[in-house]
Amino acid sequence: MNSGRIEQLTGMAHIRMAEGRYEEALDWAMRSQAVNSGYDANHWMLIAANAYLGHMGEARKHLAALESISPGVNLARIRRGQHAIDPHRIEVLIEGMRMAGMRKSGD
């Protein structure tokens, strides 16, 4: 499967996250994960959706996986890299990743 298709699957997860439909977001993110476990943005979905659903063990497992493929990842770095027209779309992810224990900054 090509990277465009993976991004589409992750994009669907992101839309569902912004809508507060976390179970559906998790489903889309798991589809993307099955195709490419190294796509860091998809890990954001897996972490946040699991955190919102109260599955903290799963959220932290995906956080550890993200940290292994993207050393130095933190909330400030992710926020800086996202220039969304609708800031809510990234903030819902930031909050979910914060709940799972992602570091706020490189400190």
N, C-alpha and C. Protein backbone atom coordinates (compact mmCIF):
# COMPACT_ATOMS: atom_id res chain seq x y z
N MET A 1 0.86 -1.17 0.00
CA MET A 1 0.00 0.00 0.00
C MET A 1 0.90 1.24 0.00
N ASN A 2 0.55 2.23 -0.78
CA ASN A 2 1.40 3.41 -0.88
C ASN A 2 1.20 4.37 0.29
N SER A 3 2.14 5.31 0.43
CA SER A 3 2.09 6.22 1.57
C SER A 3 0.87 7.12 1.52
N GLY A 4 0.37 7.45 0.33
CA GLY A 4 -0.84 8.27 0.22
C GLY A 4 -2.03 7.59 0.86
N ARG A 5 -2.14 6.30 0.68
CA ARG A 5 -3.24 5.54 1.27
C ARG A 5 -3.12 5.50 2.79
N ILE A 6 -1.91 5.35 3.28
CA ILE A 6 -1.69 5.35 4.73
C ILE A 6 -2.09 6.69 5.31
N GLU A 7 -1.70 7.76 4.64
CA GLU A 7 -2.06 9.10 5.10
C GLU A 7 -3.57 9.30 5.08
N GLN A 8 -4.26 8.70 4.11
CA GLN A 8 -5.72 8.81 4.05
C GLN A 8 -6.35 8.11 5.25
N LEU A 9 -5.85 6.93 5.58
CA LEU A 9 -6.38 6.20 6.73
C LEU A 9 -6.16 6.99 8.02
N THR A 10 -4.97 7.53 8.17
CA THR A 10 -4.67 8.33 9.35
C THR A 10 -5.49 9.61 9.35
N GLY A 11 -5.70 10.19 8.18
CA GLY A 11 -6.54 11.38 8.07
C GLY A 11 -7.97 11.12 8.52
N MET A 12 -8.49 9.95 8.19
CA MET A 12 -9.83 9.59 8.65
C MET A 12 -9.85 9.48 10.17
N ALA A 13 -8.80 8.92 10.74
CA ALA A 13 -8.71 8.83 12.20
C ALA A 13 -8.69 10.23 12.80
N HIS A 14 -7.94 11.13 12.17
CA HIS A 14 -7.82 12.49 12.69
C HIS A 14 -9.17 13.21 12.65
N ILE A 15 -9.90 13.05 11.58
CA ILE A 15 -11.24 13.64 11.48
C ILE A 15 -12.14 13.13 12.60
N ARG A 16 -12.13 11.81 12.81
CA ARG A 16 -12.97 11.23 13.87
C ARG A 16 -12.55 11.74 15.25
N MET A 17 -11.24 11.93 15.46
CA MET A 17 -10.77 12.48 16.73
C MET A 17 -11.36 13.88 16.94
N ALA A 18 -11.30 14.71 15.92
CA ALA A 18 -11.81 16.08 16.03
C ALA A 18 -13.31 16.10 16.30
N GLU A 19 -14.00 15.08 15.82
CA GLU A 19 -15.45 14.97 16.04
C GLU A 19 -15.78 14.36 17.41
N GLY A 20 -14.76 13.90 18.12
CA GLY A 20 -15.00 13.25 19.41
C GLY A 20 -15.48 11.83 19.29
N ARG A 21 -15.27 11.22 18.14
CA ARG A 21 -15.70 9.84 17.88
C ARG A 21 -14.48 8.92 18.01
N TYR A 22 -14.08 8.72 19.26
CA TYR A 22 -12.80 8.09 19.56
C TYR A 22 -12.74 6.61 19.19
N GLU A 23 -13.82 5.88 19.35
CA GLU A 23 -13.83 4.46 18.94
C GLU A 23 -13.59 4.35 17.44
N GLU A 24 -14.26 5.18 16.67
CA GLU A 24 -14.08 5.16 15.22
C GLU A 24 -12.68 5.62 14.84
N ALA A 25 -12.17 6.62 15.54
CA ALA A 25 -10.81 7.09 15.29
C ALA A 25 -9.82 5.96 15.52
N LEU A 26 -10.02 5.23 16.59
CA LEU A 26 -9.14 4.11 16.91
C LEU A 26 -9.20 3.04 15.82
N ASP A 27 -10.38 2.78 15.31
CA ASP A 27 -10.53 1.80 14.23
C ASP A 27 -9.73 2.22 12.99
N TRP A 28 -9.87 3.48 12.58
CA TRP A 28 -9.13 3.96 11.41
C TRP A 28 -7.62 3.93 11.67
N ALA A 29 -7.22 4.34 12.87
CA ALA A 29 -5.78 4.35 13.19
C ALA A 29 -5.21 2.95 13.21
N MET A 30 -5.98 1.98 13.67
CA MET A 30 -5.50 0.59 13.69
C MET A 30 -5.35 0.06 12.26
N ARG A 31 -6.23 0.48 11.36
CA ARG A 31 -6.08 0.08 9.95
C ARG A 31 -4.78 0.63 9.39
N SER A 32 -4.50 1.89 9.67
CA SER A 32 -3.27 2.50 9.20
C SER A 32 -2.05 1.82 9.82
N GLN A 33 -2.14 1.53 11.09
CA GLN A 33 -1.04 0.87 11.82
C GLN A 33 -0.73 -0.50 11.22
N ALA A 34 -1.76 -1.20 10.80
CA ALA A 34 -1.56 -2.54 10.22
C ALA A 34 -0.77 -2.47 8.92
N VAL A 35 -0.84 -1.34 8.24
CA VAL A 35 -0.16 -1.17 6.97
C VAL A 35 1.25 -0.63 7.16
N ASN A 36 1.40 0.30 8.11
CA ASN A 36 2.71 0.92 8.33
C ASN A 36 2.83 1.34 9.78
N SER A 37 3.51 0.54 10.58
CA SER A 37 3.63 0.82 12.01
C SER A 37 4.62 1.94 12.31
N GLY A 38 5.32 2.43 11.29
CA GLY A 38 6.32 3.46 11.51
C GLY A 38 5.86 4.86 11.18
N TYR A 39 4.60 5.07 10.89
CA TYR A 39 4.10 6.40 10.54
C TYR A 39 3.79 7.16 11.84
N ASP A 40 4.63 8.13 12.18
CA ASP A 40 4.53 8.77 13.49
C ASP A 40 3.20 9.46 13.73
N ALA A 41 2.64 10.13 12.73
CA ALA A 41 1.36 10.83 12.93
C ALA A 41 0.24 9.85 13.31
N ASN A 42 0.32 8.64 12.83
CA ASN A 42 -0.70 7.67 13.20
C ASN A 42 -0.58 7.29 14.68
N HIS A 43 0.64 7.27 15.18
CA HIS A 43 0.82 7.00 16.61
C HIS A 43 0.12 8.07 17.45
N TRP A 44 0.10 9.32 16.96
CA TRP A 44 -0.61 10.37 17.69
C TRP A 44 -2.07 9.97 17.87
N MET A 45 -2.67 9.43 16.80
CA MET A 45 -4.08 9.01 16.86
C MET A 45 -4.27 7.87 17.84
N LEU A 46 -3.37 6.88 17.76
CA LEU A 46 -3.48 5.72 18.64
C LEU A 46 -3.32 6.12 20.10
N ILE A 47 -2.39 7.00 20.38
CA ILE A 47 -2.17 7.46 21.76
C ILE A 47 -3.40 8.21 22.25
N ALA A 48 -3.81 9.22 21.49
CA ALA A 48 -4.91 10.09 21.93
C ALA A 48 -6.24 9.33 22.03
N ALA A 49 -6.57 8.55 21.03
CA ALA A 49 -7.86 7.83 21.07
C ALA A 49 -7.91 6.89 22.26
N ASN A 50 -6.84 6.14 22.47
CA ASN A 50 -6.81 5.24 23.62
C ASN A 50 -6.91 6.00 24.94
N ALA A 51 -6.23 7.14 25.04
CA ALA A 51 -6.30 7.93 26.27
C ALA A 51 -7.71 8.42 26.53
N TYR A 52 -8.38 8.97 25.52
CA TYR A 52 -9.75 9.44 25.70
C TYR A 52 -10.70 8.32 26.07
N LEU A 53 -10.41 7.13 25.59
CA LEU A 53 -11.27 5.98 25.89
C LEU A 53 -10.93 5.34 27.24
N GLY A 54 -9.91 5.87 27.91
CA GLY A 54 -9.52 5.34 29.21
C GLY A 54 -8.62 4.13 29.14
N HIS A 55 -8.09 3.83 27.97
CA HIS A 55 -7.20 2.68 27.79
C HIS A 55 -5.75 3.16 27.94
N MET A 56 -5.39 3.55 29.15
CA MET A 56 -4.08 4.18 29.37
C MET A 56 -2.91 3.24 29.11
N GLY A 57 -3.07 1.96 29.38
CA GLY A 57 -2.00 1.01 29.08
C GLY A 57 -1.69 0.98 27.59
N GLU A 58 -2.72 0.94 26.78
CA GLU A 58 -2.55 0.96 25.32
C GLU A 58 -1.98 2.30 24.86
N ALA A 59 -2.49 3.39 25.42
CA ALA A 59 -1.99 4.72 25.05
C ALA A 59 -0.50 4.82 25.34
N ARG A 60 -0.09 4.35 26.50
CA ARG A 60 1.33 4.43 26.87
C ARG A 60 2.19 3.48 26.04
N LYS A 61 1.63 2.36 25.63
CA LYS A 61 2.36 1.44 24.74
C LYS A 61 2.64 2.13 23.41
N HIS A 62 1.67 2.82 22.87
CA HIS A 62 1.86 3.52 21.60
C HIS A 62 2.76 4.74 21.77
N LEU A 63 2.70 5.37 22.94
CA LEU A 63 3.61 6.48 23.22
C LEU A 63 5.06 5.99 23.22
N ALA A 64 5.30 4.85 23.85
CA ALA A 64 6.66 4.28 23.86
C ALA A 64 7.11 3.94 22.45
N ALA A 65 6.21 3.41 21.64
CA ALA A 65 6.56 3.09 20.25
C ALA A 65 6.90 4.36 19.48
N LEU A 66 6.12 5.41 19.68
CA LEU A 66 6.39 6.68 19.01
C LEU A 66 7.75 7.23 19.44
N GLU A 67 8.03 7.18 20.72
CA GLU A 67 9.31 7.69 21.21
C GLU A 67 10.49 6.90 20.65
N SER A 68 10.27 5.63 20.34
CA SER A 68 11.36 4.83 19.76
C SER A 68 11.61 5.17 18.29
N ILE A 69 10.56 5.55 17.56
CA ILE A 69 10.76 5.89 16.14
C ILE A 69 11.01 7.38 15.93
N SER A 70 10.67 8.18 16.95
CA SER A 70 10.84 9.63 16.83
C SER A 70 11.44 10.17 18.14
N PRO A 71 12.72 9.88 18.38
CA PRO A 71 13.35 10.35 19.62
C PRO A 71 13.21 11.86 19.78
N GLY A 72 12.95 12.28 21.00
CA GLY A 72 12.81 13.70 21.27
C GLY A 72 11.42 14.25 21.02
N VAL A 73 10.49 13.40 20.62
CA VAL A 73 9.12 13.88 20.37
C VAL A 73 8.55 14.45 21.67
N ASN A 74 7.82 15.55 21.53
CA ASN A 74 7.14 16.15 22.68
C ASN A 74 5.98 16.99 22.15
N LEU A 75 5.12 17.41 23.05
CA LEU A 75 3.91 18.13 22.65
C LEU A 75 4.22 19.45 21.97
N ALA A 76 5.20 20.19 22.46
CA ALA A 76 5.54 21.48 21.86
C ALA A 76 6.03 21.29 20.42
N ARG A 77 6.84 20.28 20.20
CA ARG A 77 7.37 20.01 18.85
C ARG A 77 6.24 19.65 17.88
N ILE A 78 5.32 18.82 18.33
CA ILE A 78 4.19 18.43 17.47
C ILE A 78 3.33 19.65 17.17
N ARG A 79 3.01 20.43 18.19
CA ARG A 79 2.16 21.61 17.99
C ARG A 79 2.83 22.58 17.00
N ARG A 80 4.14 22.82 17.14
CA ARG A 80 4.85 23.73 16.24
C ARG A 80 4.78 23.27 14.78
N GLY A 81 4.76 21.97 14.57
CA GLY A 81 4.77 21.43 13.21
C GLY A 81 3.42 21.40 12.53
N GLN A 82 2.37 21.78 13.24
CA GLN A 82 1.02 21.71 12.70
C GLN A 82 0.44 23.11 12.52
N HIS A 83 0.09 23.43 11.32
CA HIS A 83 -0.49 24.74 11.03
C HIS A 83 -1.89 24.54 10.46
N ALA A 84 -2.77 24.08 11.31
CA ALA A 84 -4.13 23.77 10.88
C ALA A 84 -5.00 25.02 10.82
N ILE A 85 -5.90 25.02 9.88
CA ILE A 85 -6.90 26.08 9.79
C ILE A 85 -7.78 26.04 11.03
N ASP A 86 -8.09 24.83 11.49
CA ASP A 86 -8.90 24.63 12.68
C ASP A 86 -8.00 24.11 13.80
N PRO A 87 -7.57 24.97 14.71
CA PRO A 87 -6.65 24.54 15.77
C PRO A 87 -7.19 23.41 16.64
N HIS A 88 -8.51 23.27 16.72
CA HIS A 88 -9.10 22.18 17.51
C HIS A 88 -8.60 20.82 17.04
N ARG A 89 -8.36 20.70 15.74
CA ARG A 89 -7.95 19.39 15.20
C ARG A 89 -6.65 18.91 15.81
N ILE A 90 -5.69 19.79 16.06
CA ILE A 90 -4.45 19.35 16.69
C ILE A 90 -4.58 19.35 18.21
N GLU A 91 -5.35 20.28 18.74
CA GLU A 91 -5.45 20.38 20.20
C GLU A 91 -6.10 19.15 20.83
N VAL A 92 -7.04 18.54 20.14
CA VAL A 92 -7.65 17.32 20.68
C VAL A 92 -6.61 16.21 20.77
N LEU A 93 -5.70 16.17 19.81
CA LEU A 93 -4.61 15.18 19.87
C LEU A 93 -3.62 15.52 20.96
N ILE A 94 -3.26 16.80 21.05
CA ILE A 94 -2.31 17.24 22.07
C ILE A 94 -2.83 16.86 23.46
N GLU A 95 -4.10 17.14 23.71
CA GLU A 95 -4.68 16.82 25.02
C GLU A 95 -4.65 15.32 25.29
N GLY A 96 -5.00 14.51 24.31
CA GLY A 96 -4.97 13.06 24.49
C GLY A 96 -3.56 12.55 24.75
N MET A 97 -2.59 13.09 24.02
CA MET A 97 -1.21 12.66 24.22
C MET A 97 -0.69 13.14 25.58
N ARG A 98 -1.13 14.33 26.00
CA ARG A 98 -0.77 14.82 27.34
C ARG A 98 -1.31 13.90 28.42
N MET A 99 -2.58 13.47 28.25
CA MET A 99 -3.19 12.56 29.21
C MET A 99 -2.41 11.26 29.32
N ALA A 100 -1.82 10.83 28.21
CA ALA A 100 -1.05 9.57 28.20
C ALA A 100 0.35 9.73 28.75
N GLY A 101 0.77 10.98 28.99
CA GLY A 101 2.07 11.19 29.61
C GLY A 101 3.17 11.71 28.70
N MET A 102 2.83 12.15 27.49
CA MET A 102 3.87 12.70 26.62
C MET A 102 4.45 13.96 27.26
N ARG A 103 5.76 14.12 27.12
CA ARG A 103 6.43 15.30 27.65
C ARG A 103 5.93 16.56 26.94
N LYS A 104 5.84 17.66 27.71
CA LYS A 104 5.38 18.93 27.15
C LYS A 104 6.42 19.55 26.24
N SER A 105 7.68 19.45 26.65
CA SER A 105 8.76 20.03 25.84
C SER A 105 10.00 19.15 25.98
N GLY A 106 11.08 19.62 25.39
CA GLY A 106 12.32 18.84 25.41
C GLY A 106 13.05 18.85 26.74
N ASP A 107 12.47 19.50 27.75
CA ASP A 107 13.12 19.57 29.08
C ASP A 107 13.19 18.22 29.74
